[in-house]
Amino acid sequence: MKTGNNLLFYISKFHPVNLIYNLKSGASIDVDHILTDSSTYFLPVNSKYYHTFPLSACDGEFVYTSFSSAVMFDAHEENKDKNIKYNSILSSYFTKRNKTDNPVILKFKLKEKL
């Protein structure tokens, strides 16, 4: 998949890995090395939370994948001590939903300068 100056691909021969390769800088990044922070509300962004992490789709601007609600609620519970201020959509999700609900689609955009 291609988004901006980045190619995203999945290698599954021996040890499954998702890579991002920047066409301008030549840098490659293993998606599993991307850390969560306040910009992601400390919610899942890689296979730390999900043993197979297929990047499902790309529309040229955004990349899409999904996580089970169980994974989302586990991450939410792990981070209770961080006093995270969720946006209204996530606040509603964690208030009205539960671990057995449908998977959550993750939509993200890569920074141009990786």
PDB file of N, CA and C in Angstrom:
ATOM      1  N   MET A   1       0.848  -1.165   0.000  1.00  0.00           N
ATOM      2  CA  MET A   1       0.000   0.000   0.000  1.00  0.00           C
ATOM      3  C   MET A   1       0.900   1.235   0.000  1.00  0.00           C
ATOM      4  N   LYS A   2       0.422   2.305  -0.593  1.00  0.00           N
ATOM      5  CA  LYS A   2       1.183   3.545  -0.634  1.00  0.00           C
ATOM      6  C   LYS A   2       0.330   4.683  -0.094  1.00  0.00           C
ATOM      7  N   THR A   3       0.935   5.472   0.776  1.00  0.00           N
ATOM      8  CA  THR A   3       0.310   6.687   1.272  1.00  0.00           C
ATOM      9  C   THR A   3       1.382   7.762   1.337  1.00  0.00           C
ATOM     10  N   GLY A   4       1.181   8.832   0.596  1.00  0.00           N
ATOM     11  CA  GLY A   4       2.203   9.879   0.533  1.00  0.00           C
ATOM     12  C   GLY A   4       3.507   9.302   0.028  1.00  0.00           C
ATOM     13  N   ASN A   5       4.587   9.562   0.750  1.00  0.00           N
ATOM     14  CA  ASN A   5       5.913   9.046   0.383  1.00  0.00           C
ATOM     15  C   ASN A   5       6.225   7.719   1.066  1.00  0.00           C
ATOM     16  N   ASN A   6       5.220   7.045   1.599  1.00  0.00           N
ATOM     17  CA  ASN A   6       5.447   5.825   2.361  1.00  0.00           C
ATOM     18  C   ASN A   6       4.809   4.605   1.710  1.00  0.00           C
ATOM     19  N   LEU A   7       5.572   3.528   1.684  1.00  0.00           N
ATOM     20  CA  LEU A   7       5.057   2.228   1.282  1.00  0.00           C
ATOM     21  C   LEU A   7       4.850   1.414   2.542  1.00  0.00           C
ATOM     22  N   LEU A   8       3.732   0.738   2.637  1.00  0.00           N
ATOM     23  CA  LEU A   8       3.445  -0.121   3.785  1.00  0.00           C
ATOM     24  C   LEU A   8       3.292  -1.538   3.261  1.00  0.00           C
ATOM     25  N   PHE A   9       3.968  -2.456   3.920  1.00  0.00           N
ATOM     26  CA  PHE A   9       3.839  -3.843   3.484  1.00  0.00           C
ATOM     27  C   PHE A   9       4.025  -4.796   4.641  1.00  0.00           C
ATOM     28  N   TYR A  10       3.565  -6.020   4.410  1.00  0.00           N
ATOM     29  CA  TYR A  10       3.526  -7.062   5.427  1.00  0.00           C
ATOM     30  C   TYR A  10       4.367  -8.226   4.938  1.00  0.00           C
ATOM     31  N   ILE A  11       5.292  -8.677   5.763  1.00  0.00           N
ATOM     32  CA  ILE A  11       6.125  -9.840   5.451  1.00  0.00           C
ATOM     33  C   ILE A  11       5.737 -10.934   6.438  1.00  0.00           C
ATOM     34  N   SER A  12       5.433 -12.119   5.913  1.00  0.00           N
ATOM     35  CA  SER A  12       4.968 -13.159   6.825  1.00  0.00           C
ATOM     36  C   SER A  12       5.717 -14.485   6.683  1.00  0.00           C
ATOM     37  N   LYS A  13       6.868 -14.487   6.048  1.00  0.00           N
ATOM     38  CA  LYS A  13       7.591 -15.737   5.812  1.00  0.00           C
ATOM     39  C   LYS A  13       7.910 -16.487   7.107  1.00  0.00           C
ATOM     40  N   PHE A  14       8.675 -15.889   8.007  1.00  0.00           N
ATOM     41  CA  PHE A  14       9.048 -16.565   9.254  1.00  0.00           C
ATOM     42  C   PHE A  14       8.442 -15.886  10.472  1.00  0.00           C
ATOM     43  N   HIS A  15       8.686 -14.604  10.603  1.00  0.00           N
ATOM     44  CA  HIS A  15       8.154 -13.815  11.721  1.00  0.00           C
ATOM     45  C   HIS A  15       7.356 -12.666  11.109  1.00  0.00           C
ATOM     46  N   PRO A  16       6.031 -12.678  11.250  1.00  0.00           N
ATOM     47  CA  PRO A  16       5.212 -11.632  10.625  1.00  0.00           C
ATOM     48  C   PRO A  16       5.636 -10.237  11.069  1.00  0.00           C
ATOM     49  N   VAL A  17       5.762  -9.343  10.109  1.00  0.00           N
ATOM     50  CA  VAL A  17       6.166  -7.979  10.418  1.00  0.00           C
ATOM     51  C   VAL A  17       5.523  -7.024   9.410  1.00  0.00           C
ATOM     52  N   ASN A  18       5.055  -5.885   9.913  1.00  0.00           N
ATOM     53  CA  ASN A  18       4.547  -4.798   9.081  1.00  0.00           C
ATOM     54  C   ASN A  18       5.628  -3.735   9.013  1.00  0.00           C
ATOM     55  N   LEU A  19       5.966  -3.334   7.814  1.00  0.00           N
ATOM     56  CA  LEU A  19       7.005  -2.327   7.638  1.00  0.00           C
ATOM     57  C   LEU A  19       6.468  -1.106   6.919  1.00  0.00           C
ATOM     58  N   ILE A  20       7.064   0.022   7.244  1.00  0.00           N
ATOM     59  CA  ILE A  20       6.821   1.273   6.540  1.00  0.00           C
ATOM     60  C   ILE A  20       8.154   1.661   5.921  1.00  0.00           C
ATOM     61  N   TYR A  21       8.158   1.911   4.623  1.00  0.00           N
ATOM     62  CA  TYR A  21       9.376   2.345   3.939  1.00  0.00           C
ATOM     63  C   TYR A  21       9.115   3.714   3.341  1.00  0.00           C
ATOM     64  N   ASN A  22       9.939   4.705   3.735  1.00  0.00           N
ATOM     65  CA  ASN A  22       9.797   6.051   3.216  1.00  0.00           C
ATOM     66  C   ASN A  22      10.608   6.190   1.935  1.00  0.00           C
ATOM     67  N   LEU A  23       9.939   6.516   0.836  1.00  0.00           N
ATOM     68  CA  LEU A  23      10.575   6.610  -0.478  1.00  0.00           C
ATOM     69  C   LEU A  23      11.563   7.767  -0.574  1.00  0.00           C
ATOM     70  N   LYS A  24      11.369   8.832   0.181  1.00  0.00           N
ATOM     71  CA  LYS A  24      12.277   9.983   0.135  1.00  0.00           C
ATOM     72  C   LYS A  24      13.521   9.768   0.990  1.00  0.00           C
ATOM     73  N   SER A  25      13.329   9.334   2.220  1.00  0.00           N
ATOM     74  CA  SER A  25      14.466   9.226   3.143  1.00  0.00           C
ATOM     75  C   SER A  25      15.154   7.864   3.072  1.00  0.00           C
ATOM     76  N   GLY A  26      14.443   6.853   2.573  1.00  0.00           N
ATOM     77  CA  GLY A  26      15.000   5.503   2.557  1.00  0.00           C
ATOM     78  C   GLY A  26      14.904   4.802   3.903  1.00  0.00           C
ATOM     79  N   ALA A  27      14.267   5.436   4.871  1.00  0.00           N
ATOM     80  CA  ALA A  27      14.131   4.843   6.201  1.00  0.00           C
ATOM     81  C   ALA A  27      13.040   3.782   6.188  1.00  0.00           C
ATOM     82  N   SER A  28      13.267   2.736   6.956  1.00  0.00           N
ATOM     83  CA  SER A  28      12.216   1.737   7.143  1.00  0.00           C
ATOM     84  C   SER A  28      11.941   1.601   8.633  1.00  0.00           C
ATOM     85  N   ILE A  29      10.670   1.387   8.953  1.00  0.00           N
ATOM     86  CA  ILE A  29      10.230   1.326  10.339  1.00  0.00           C
ATOM     87  C   ILE A  29       9.365   0.088  10.514  1.00  0.00           C
ATOM     88  N   ASP A  30       9.667  -0.699  11.518  1.00  0.00           N
ATOM     89  CA  ASP A  30       8.817  -1.815  11.905  1.00  0.00           C
ATOM     90  C   ASP A  30       7.654  -1.228  12.696  1.00  0.00           C
ATOM     91  N   VAL A  31       6.432  -1.467  12.253  1.00  0.00           N
ATOM     92  CA  VAL A  31       5.257  -0.893  12.899  1.00  0.00           C
ATOM     93  C   VAL A  31       5.199  -1.272  14.382  1.00  0.00           C
ATOM     94  N   ASP A  32       5.743  -2.443  14.734  1.00  0.00           N
ATOM     95  CA  ASP A  32       5.738  -2.856  16.142  1.00  0.00           C
ATOM     96  C   ASP A  32       6.594  -1.965  17.033  1.00  0.00           C
ATOM     97  N   HIS A  33       7.445  -1.138  16.445  1.00  0.00           N
ATOM     98  CA  HIS A  33       8.293  -0.244  17.236  1.00  0.00           C
ATOM     99  C   HIS A  33       7.666   1.128  17.457  1.00  0.00           C
ATOM    100  N   ILE A  34       6.473   1.323  16.933  1.00  0.00           N
ATOM    101  CA  ILE A  34       5.756   2.581  17.154  1.00  0.00           C
ATOM    102  C   ILE A  34       5.102   2.514  18.531  1.00  0.00           C
ATOM    103  N   LEU A  35       5.357   3.508  19.342  1.00  0.00           N
ATOM    104  CA  LEU A  35       4.841   3.531  20.711  1.00  0.00           C
ATOM    105  C   LEU A  35       3.560   4.354  20.793  1.00  0.00           C
ATOM    106  N   THR A  36       2.720   3.993  21.737  1.00  0.00           N
ATOM    107  CA  THR A  36       1.534   4.799  21.978  1.00  0.00           C
ATOM    108  C   THR A  36       1.918   6.000  22.840  1.00  0.00           C
ATOM    109  N   ASP A  37       1.127   7.042  22.723  1.00  0.00           N
ATOM    110  CA  ASP A  37       1.340   8.234  23.546  1.00  0.00           C
ATOM    111  C   ASP A  37       0.012   8.964  23.666  1.00  0.00           C
ATOM    112  N   SER A  38       0.047  10.169  24.153  1.00  0.00           N
ATOM    113  CA  SER A  38      -1.196  10.910  24.358  1.00  0.00           C
ATOM    114  C   SER A  38      -1.938  11.165  23.040  1.00  0.00           C
ATOM    115  N   SER A  39      -1.214  11.231  21.913  1.00  0.00           N
ATOM    116  CA  SER A  39      -1.880  11.471  20.627  1.00  0.00           C
ATOM    117  C   SER A  39      -2.732  10.285  20.199  1.00  0.00           C
ATOM    118  N   THR A  40      -2.460   9.107  20.734  1.00  0.00           N
ATOM    119  CA  THR A  40      -3.259   7.912  20.440  1.00  0.00           C
ATOM    120  C   THR A  40      -4.095   7.506  21.650  1.00  0.00           C
ATOM    121  N   TYR A  41      -4.143   8.379  22.638  1.00  0.00           N
ATOM    122  CA  TYR A  41      -4.853   8.103  23.892  1.00  0.00           C
ATOM    123  C   TYR A  41      -4.320   6.832  24.554  1.00  0.00           C
ATOM    124  N   PHE A  42      -3.086   6.486  24.262  1.00  0.00           N
ATOM    125  CA  PHE A  42      -2.439   5.278  24.779  1.00  0.00           C
ATOM    126  C   PHE A  42      -3.210   4.009  24.404  1.00  0.00           C
ATOM    127  N   LEU A  43      -3.929   4.071  23.299  1.00  0.00           N
ATOM    128  CA  LEU A  43      -4.671   2.915  22.801  1.00  0.00           C
ATOM    129  C   LEU A  43      -3.840   2.189  21.742  1.00  0.00           C
ATOM    130  N   PRO A  44      -4.192   0.957  21.396  1.00  0.00           N
ATOM    131  CA  PRO A  44      -3.377   0.133  20.494  1.00  0.00           C
ATOM    132  C   PRO A  44      -3.082   0.782  19.145  1.00  0.00           C
ATOM    133  N   VAL A  45      -1.851   0.607  18.698  1.00  0.00           N
ATOM    134  CA  VAL A  45      -1.460   1.012  17.344  1.00  0.00           C
ATOM    135  C   VAL A  45      -0.663  -0.078  16.643  1.00  0.00           C
ATOM    136  N   ASN A  46      -0.356  -1.167  17.343  1.00  0.00           N
ATOM    137  CA  ASN A  46       0.448  -2.217  16.727  1.00  0.00           C
ATOM    138  C   ASN A  46       0.199  -3.575  17.369  1.00  0.00           C
ATOM    139  N   SER A  47       1.012  -4.549  16.984  1.00  0.00           N
ATOM    140  CA  SER A  47       0.763  -5.928  17.414  1.00  0.00           C
ATOM    141  C   SER A  47       1.121  -6.219  18.870  1.00  0.00           C
ATOM    142  N   LYS A  48       1.632  -5.230  19.610  1.00  0.00           N
ATOM    143  CA  LYS A  48       1.820  -5.449  21.046  1.00  0.00           C
ATOM    144  C   LYS A  48       0.499  -5.915  21.648  1.00  0.00           C
ATOM    145  N   TYR A  49      -0.580  -5.422  21.072  1.00  0.00           N
ATOM    146  CA  TYR A  49      -1.909  -5.740  21.572  1.00  0.00           C
ATOM    147  C   TYR A  49      -2.606  -6.832  20.767  1.00  0.00           C
ATOM    148  N   TYR A  50      -2.030  -7.204  19.644  1.00  0.00           N
ATOM    149  CA  TYR A  50      -2.745  -8.102  18.743  1.00  0.00           C
ATOM    150  C   TYR A  50      -1.708  -8.899  17.971  1.00  0.00           C
ATOM    151  N   HIS A  51      -1.663 -10.220  18.140  1.00  0.00           N
ATOM    152  CA  HIS A  51      -0.543 -11.010  17.630  1.00  0.00           C
ATOM    153  C   HIS A  51      -0.411 -11.028  16.109  1.00  0.00           C
ATOM    154  N   THR A  52      -1.460 -10.820  15.374  1.00  0.00           N
ATOM    155  CA  THR A  52      -1.335 -10.618  13.934  1.00  0.00           C
ATOM    156  C   THR A  52      -1.933  -9.266  13.631  1.00  0.00           C
ATOM    157  N   PHE A  53      -1.188  -8.425  13.006  1.00  0.00           N
ATOM    158  CA  PHE A  53      -1.601  -7.035  12.813  1.00  0.00           C
ATOM    159  C   PHE A  53      -1.622  -6.715  11.328  1.00  0.00           C
ATOM    160  N   PRO A  54      -2.629  -7.200  10.629  1.00  0.00           N
ATOM    161  CA  PRO A  54      -2.672  -6.881   9.203  1.00  0.00           C
ATOM    162  C   PRO A  54      -3.120  -5.443   8.975  1.00  0.00           C
ATOM    163  N   LEU A  55      -2.369  -4.740   8.172  1.00  0.00           N
ATOM    164  CA  LEU A  55      -2.816  -3.429   7.746  1.00  0.00           C
ATOM    165  C   LEU A  55      -3.848  -3.704   6.662  1.00  0.00           C
ATOM    166  N   SER A  56      -5.100  -3.465   6.940  1.00  0.00           N
ATOM    167  CA  SER A  56      -6.204  -3.948   6.108  1.00  0.00           C
ATOM    168  C   SER A  56      -6.406  -3.196   4.808  1.00  0.00           C
ATOM    169  N   ALA A  57      -6.245  -1.878   4.836  1.00  0.00           N
ATOM    170  CA  ALA A  57      -6.537  -1.089   3.644  1.00  0.00           C
ATOM    171  C   ALA A  57      -5.818   0.245   3.712  1.00  0.00           C
ATOM    172  N   CYS A  58      -5.743   0.881   2.561  1.00  0.00           N
ATOM    173  CA  CYS A  58      -5.156   2.217   2.466  1.00  0.00           C
ATOM    174  C   CYS A  58      -5.864   2.938   1.333  1.00  0.00           C
ATOM    175  N   ASP A  59      -6.278   4.177   1.580  1.00  0.00           N
ATOM    176  CA  ASP A  59      -6.961   4.948   0.537  1.00  0.00           C
ATOM    177  C   ASP A  59      -6.045   6.003  -0.085  1.00  0.00           C
ATOM    178  N   GLY A  60      -4.752   5.888   0.173  1.00  0.00           N
ATOM    179  CA  GLY A  60      -3.797   6.857  -0.338  1.00  0.00           C
ATOM    180  C   GLY A  60      -3.468   7.948   0.654  1.00  0.00           C
ATOM    181  N   GLU A  61      -4.344   8.153   1.622  1.00  0.00           N
ATOM    182  CA  GLU A  61      -4.127   9.146   2.662  1.00  0.00           C
ATOM    183  C   GLU A  61      -4.118   8.513   4.050  1.00  0.00           C
ATOM    184  N   PHE A  62      -5.083   7.632   4.307  1.00  0.00           N
ATOM    185  CA  PHE A  62      -5.203   6.984   5.606  1.00  0.00           C
ATOM    186  C   PHE A  62      -4.965   5.482   5.471  1.00  0.00           C
ATOM    187  N   VAL A  63      -4.525   4.880   6.569  1.00  0.00           N
ATOM    188  CA  VAL A  63      -4.317   3.445   6.654  1.00  0.00           C
ATOM    189  C   VAL A  63      -5.337   2.910   7.651  1.00  0.00           C
ATOM    190  N   TYR A  64      -5.848   1.712   7.389  1.00  0.00           N
ATOM    191  CA  TYR A  64      -6.898   1.139   8.225  1.00  0.00           C
ATOM    192  C   TYR A  64      -6.506  -0.260   8.709  1.00  0.00           C
ATOM    193  N   THR A  65      -6.871  -0.549   9.930  1.00  0.00           N
ATOM    194  CA  THR A  65      -6.761  -1.877  10.505  1.00  0.00           C
ATOM    195  C   THR A  65      -7.847  -1.985  11.568  1.00  0.00           C
ATOM    196  N   SER A  66      -7.854  -3.051  12.328  1.00  0.00           N
ATOM    197  CA  SER A  66      -8.888  -3.178  13.364  1.00  0.00           C
ATOM    198  C   SER A  66      -8.337  -3.909  14.582  1.00  0.00           C
ATOM    199  N   PHE A  67      -9.001  -3.681  15.694  1.00  0.00           N
ATOM    200  CA  PHE A  67      -8.704  -4.355  16.952  1.00  0.00           C
ATOM    201  C   PHE A  67     -10.023  -4.811  17.559  1.00  0.00           C
ATOM    202  N   SER A  68      -9.994  -5.914  18.268  1.00  0.00           N
ATOM    203  CA  SER A  68     -11.204  -6.370  18.954  1.00  0.00           C
ATOM    204  C   SER A  68     -11.534  -5.388  20.081  1.00  0.00           C
ATOM    205  N   SER A  69     -12.796  -5.362  20.451  1.00  0.00           N
ATOM    206  CA  SER A  69     -13.190  -4.525  21.590  1.00  0.00           C
ATOM    207  C   SER A  69     -12.486  -4.996  22.860  1.00  0.00           C
ATOM    208  N   ALA A  70     -12.246  -6.292  22.971  1.00  0.00           N
ATOM    209  CA  ALA A  70     -11.531  -6.809  24.150  1.00  0.00           C
ATOM    210  C   ALA A  70     -10.153  -6.172  24.264  1.00  0.00           C
ATOM    211  N   VAL A  71      -9.448  -6.051  23.145  1.00  0.00           N
ATOM    212  CA  VAL A  71      -8.130  -5.426  23.143  1.00  0.00           C
ATOM    213  C   VAL A  71      -8.238  -3.958  23.544  1.00  0.00           C
ATOM    214  N   MET A  72      -9.240  -3.261  23.022  1.00  0.00           N
ATOM    215  CA  MET A  72      -9.417  -1.849  23.349  1.00  0.00           C
ATOM    216  C   MET A  72      -9.701  -1.660  24.839  1.00  0.00           C
ATOM    217  N   PHE A  73     -10.578  -2.486  25.387  1.00  0.00           N
ATOM    218  CA  PHE A  73     -10.919  -2.356  26.803  1.00  0.00           C
ATOM    219  C   PHE A  73      -9.750  -2.772  27.698  1.00  0.00           C
ATOM    220  N   ASP A  74      -8.954  -3.750  27.267  1.00  0.00           N
ATOM    221  CA  ASP A  74      -7.753  -4.121  28.028  1.00  0.00           C
ATOM    222  C   ASP A  74      -6.771  -2.957  28.082  1.00  0.00           C
ATOM    223  N   ALA A  75      -6.558  -2.296  26.950  1.00  0.00           N
ATOM    224  CA  ALA A  75      -5.656  -1.139  26.913  1.00  0.00           C
ATOM    225  C   ALA A  75      -6.213  -0.003  27.763  1.00  0.00           C
ATOM    226  N   HIS A  76      -7.508   0.204  27.680  1.00  0.00           N
ATOM    227  CA  HIS A  76      -8.170   1.241  28.496  1.00  0.00           C
ATOM    228  C   HIS A  76      -7.933   0.971  29.990  1.00  0.00           C
ATOM    229  N   GLU A  77      -8.076  -0.268  30.386  1.00  0.00           N
ATOM    230  CA  GLU A  77      -7.872  -0.654  31.788  1.00  0.00           C
ATOM    231  C   GLU A  77      -6.403  -0.492  32.196  1.00  0.00           C
ATOM    232  N   GLU A  78      -5.477  -0.900  31.330  1.00  0.00           N
ATOM    233  CA  GLU A  78      -4.040  -0.786  31.626  1.00  0.00           C
ATOM    234  C   GLU A  78      -3.610   0.653  31.853  1.00  0.00           C
ATOM    235  N   ASN A  79      -4.321   1.590  31.251  1.00  0.00           N
ATOM    236  CA  ASN A  79      -3.916   2.992  31.291  1.00  0.00           C
ATOM    237  C   ASN A  79      -4.764   3.861  32.210  1.00  0.00           C
ATOM    238  N   LYS A  80      -5.554   3.266  33.079  1.00  0.00           N
ATOM    239  CA  LYS A  80      -6.423   4.047  33.986  1.00  0.00           C
ATOM    240  C   LYS A  80      -5.631   5.043  34.836  1.00  0.00           C
ATOM    241  N   ASP A  81      -4.425   4.680  35.199  1.00  0.00           N
ATOM    242  CA  ASP A  81      -3.620   5.553  36.059  1.00  0.00           C
ATOM    243  C   ASP A  81      -3.100   6.798  35.340  1.00  0.00           C
ATOM    244  N   LYS A  82      -3.253   6.877  34.032  1.00  0.00           N
ATOM    245  CA  LYS A  82      -2.743   8.019  33.266  1.00  0.00           C
ATOM    246  C   LYS A  82      -3.731   9.187  33.197  1.00  0.00           C
ATOM    247  N   ASN A  83      -4.942   9.018  33.727  1.00  0.00           N
ATOM    248  CA  ASN A  83      -5.957  10.077  33.700  1.00  0.00           C
ATOM    249  C   ASN A  83      -6.128  10.685  32.310  1.00  0.00           C
ATOM    250  N   ILE A  84      -6.375   9.847  31.342  1.00  0.00           N
ATOM    251  CA  ILE A  84      -6.499  10.261  29.948  1.00  0.00           C
ATOM    252  C   ILE A  84      -7.839  10.949  29.725  1.00  0.00           C
ATOM    253  N   LYS A  85      -7.811  12.068  29.028  1.00  0.00           N
ATOM    254  CA  LYS A  85      -9.023  12.787  28.644  1.00  0.00           C
ATOM    255  C   LYS A  85      -9.386  12.365  27.218  1.00  0.00           C
ATOM    256  N   TYR A  86     -10.322  11.420  27.100  1.00  0.00           N
ATOM    257  CA  TYR A  86     -10.745  10.919  25.790  1.00  0.00           C
ATOM    258  C   TYR A  86     -11.639  11.925  25.086  1.00  0.00           C
ATOM    259  N   ASN A  87     -11.646  11.871  23.744  1.00  0.00           N
ATOM    260  CA  ASN A  87     -12.596  12.691  22.998  1.00  0.00           C
ATOM    261  C   ASN A  87     -13.998  12.116  23.214  1.00  0.00           C
ATOM    262  N   SER A  88     -15.017  12.780  22.734  1.00  0.00           N
ATOM    263  CA  SER A  88     -16.401  12.379  23.009  1.00  0.00           C
ATOM    264  C   SER A  88     -16.729  10.997  22.431  1.00  0.00           C
ATOM    265  N   ILE A  89     -16.181  10.662  21.287  1.00  0.00           N
ATOM    266  CA  ILE A  89     -16.456   9.362  20.668  1.00  0.00           C
ATOM    267  C   ILE A  89     -15.888   8.239  21.527  1.00  0.00           C
ATOM    268  N   LEU A  90     -14.641   8.367  21.945  1.00  0.00           N
ATOM    269  CA  LEU A  90     -14.030   7.327  22.776  1.00  0.00           C
ATOM    270  C   LEU A  90     -14.668   7.271  24.163  1.00  0.00           C
ATOM    271  N   SER A  91     -14.998   8.411  24.730  1.00  0.00           N
ATOM    272  CA  SER A  91     -15.669   8.427  26.037  1.00  0.00           C
ATOM    273  C   SER A  91     -16.986   7.668  25.961  1.00  0.00           C
ATOM    274  N   SER A  92     -17.746   7.916  24.912  1.00  0.00           N
ATOM    275  CA  SER A  92     -19.012   7.224  24.720  1.00  0.00           C
ATOM    276  C   SER A  92     -18.780   5.726  24.520  1.00  0.00           C
ATOM    277  N   TYR A  93     -17.789   5.382  23.724  1.00  0.00           N
ATOM    278  CA  TYR A  93     -17.476   3.967  23.476  1.00  0.00           C
ATOM    279  C   TYR A  93     -17.150   3.238  24.781  1.00  0.00           C
ATOM    280  N   PHE A  94     -16.269   3.797  25.600  1.00  0.00           N
ATOM    281  CA  PHE A  94     -15.871   3.130  26.839  1.00  0.00           C
ATOM    282  C   PHE A  94     -16.976   3.152  27.896  1.00  0.00           C
ATOM    283  N   THR A  95     -17.947   4.040  27.767  1.00  0.00           N
ATOM    284  CA  THR A  95     -19.063   4.106  28.701  1.00  0.00           C
ATOM    285  C   THR A  95     -20.202   3.167  28.304  1.00  0.00           C
ATOM    286  N   LYS A  96     -20.503   3.120  27.005  1.00  0.00           N
ATOM    287  CA  LYS A  96     -21.691   2.405  26.541  1.00  0.00           C
ATOM    288  C   LYS A  96     -21.424   1.029  25.942  1.00  0.00           C
ATOM    289  N   ARG A  97     -20.185   0.709  25.662  1.00  0.00           N
ATOM    290  CA  ARG A  97     -19.850  -0.568  25.012  1.00  0.00           C
ATOM    291  C   ARG A  97     -19.141  -1.484  25.993  1.00  0.00           C
ATOM    292  N   ASN A  98     -18.796  -2.700  25.511  1.00  0.00           N
ATOM    293  CA  ASN A  98     -18.068  -3.637  26.362  1.00  0.00           C
ATOM    294  C   ASN A  98     -17.142  -4.519  25.518  1.00  0.00           C
ATOM    295  N   LYS A  99     -16.414  -5.393  26.187  1.00  0.00           N
ATOM    296  CA  LYS A  99     -15.400  -6.226  25.543  1.00  0.00           C
ATOM    297  C   LYS A  99     -15.939  -7.149  24.454  1.00  0.00           C
ATOM    298  N   THR A 100     -17.211  -7.465  24.486  1.00  0.00           N
ATOM    299  CA  THR A 100     -17.761  -8.411  23.522  1.00  0.00           C
ATOM    300  C   THR A 100     -18.369  -7.735  22.290  1.00  0.00           C
ATOM    301  N   ASP A 101     -18.270  -6.421  22.195  1.00  0.00           N
ATOM    302  CA  ASP A 101     -18.811  -5.711  21.031  1.00  0.00           C
ATOM    303  C   ASP A 101     -17.950  -5.955  19.794  1.00  0.00           C
ATOM    304  N   ASN A 102     -18.434  -5.463  18.682  1.00  0.00           N
ATOM    305  CA  ASN A 102     -17.738  -5.616  17.405  1.00  0.00           C
ATOM    306  C   ASN A 102     -16.340  -5.004  17.454  1.00  0.00           C
ATOM    307  N   PRO A 103     -15.471  -5.437  16.564  1.00  0.00           N
ATOM    308  CA  PRO A 103     -14.126  -4.840  16.493  1.00  0.00           C
ATOM    309  C   PRO A 103     -14.197  -3.346  16.186  1.00  0.00           C
ATOM    310  N   VAL A 104     -13.119  -2.669  16.516  1.00  0.00           N
ATOM    311  CA  VAL A 104     -12.983  -1.234  16.283  1.00  0.00           C
ATOM    312  C   VAL A 104     -12.058  -1.031  15.089  1.00  0.00           C
ATOM    313  N   ILE A 105     -12.476  -0.198  14.154  1.00  0.00           N
ATOM    314  CA  ILE A 105     -11.631   0.108  12.999  1.00  0.00           C
ATOM    315  C   ILE A 105     -10.714   1.259  13.375  1.00  0.00           C
ATOM    316  N   LEU A 106      -9.443   1.055  13.183  1.00  0.00           N
ATOM    317  CA  LEU A 106      -8.438   2.083  13.463  1.00  0.00           C
ATOM    318  C   LEU A 106      -8.069   2.763  12.145  1.00  0.00           C
ATOM    319  N   LYS A 107      -8.203   4.071  12.105  1.00  0.00           N
ATOM    320  CA  LYS A 107      -7.863   4.879  10.938  1.00  0.00           C
ATOM    321  C   LYS A 107      -6.732   5.805  11.359  1.00  0.00           C
ATOM    322  N   PHE A 108      -5.600   5.717  10.665  1.00  0.00           N
ATOM    323  CA  PHE A 108      -4.504   6.602  11.035  1.00  0.00           C
ATOM    324  C   PHE A 108      -3.801   7.147   9.806  1.00  0.00           C
ATOM    325  N   LYS A 109      -3.103   8.248  10.023  1.00  0.00           N
ATOM    326  CA  LYS A 109      -2.363   8.909   8.960  1.00  0.00           C
ATOM    327  C   LYS A 109      -0.909   8.988   9.376  1.00  0.00           C
ATOM    328  N   LEU A 110      -0.030   8.626   8.471  1.00  0.00           N
ATOM    329  CA  LEU A 110       1.407   8.677   8.758  1.00  0.00           C
ATOM    330  C   LEU A 110       1.938  10.099   8.590  1.00  0.00           C
ATOM    331  N   LYS A 111       2.923  10.425   9.390  1.00  0.00           N
ATOM    332  CA  LYS A 111       3.592  11.712   9.233  1.00  0.00           C
ATOM    333  C   LYS A 111       4.378  11.682   7.919  1.00  0.00           C
ATOM    334  N   GLU A 112       4.463  12.807   7.260  1.00  0.00           N
ATOM    335  CA  GLU A 112       5.173  12.885   5.982  1.00  0.00           C
ATOM    336  C   GLU A 112       6.678  12.679   6.143  1.00  0.00           C
ATOM    337  N   LYS A 113       7.224  13.145   7.247  1.00  0.00           N
ATOM    338  CA  LYS A 113       8.673  13.055   7.445  1.00  0.00           C
ATOM    339  C   LYS A 113       9.016  11.963   8.438  1.00  0.00           C
ATOM    340  N   LEU A 114       9.086  10.737   7.945  1.00  0.00           N
ATOM    341  CA  LEU A 114       9.468   9.628   8.804  1.00  0.00           C
ATOM    342  C   LEU A 114      10.962   9.380   8.705  1.00  0.00           C
TER     343      LEU A 114
END
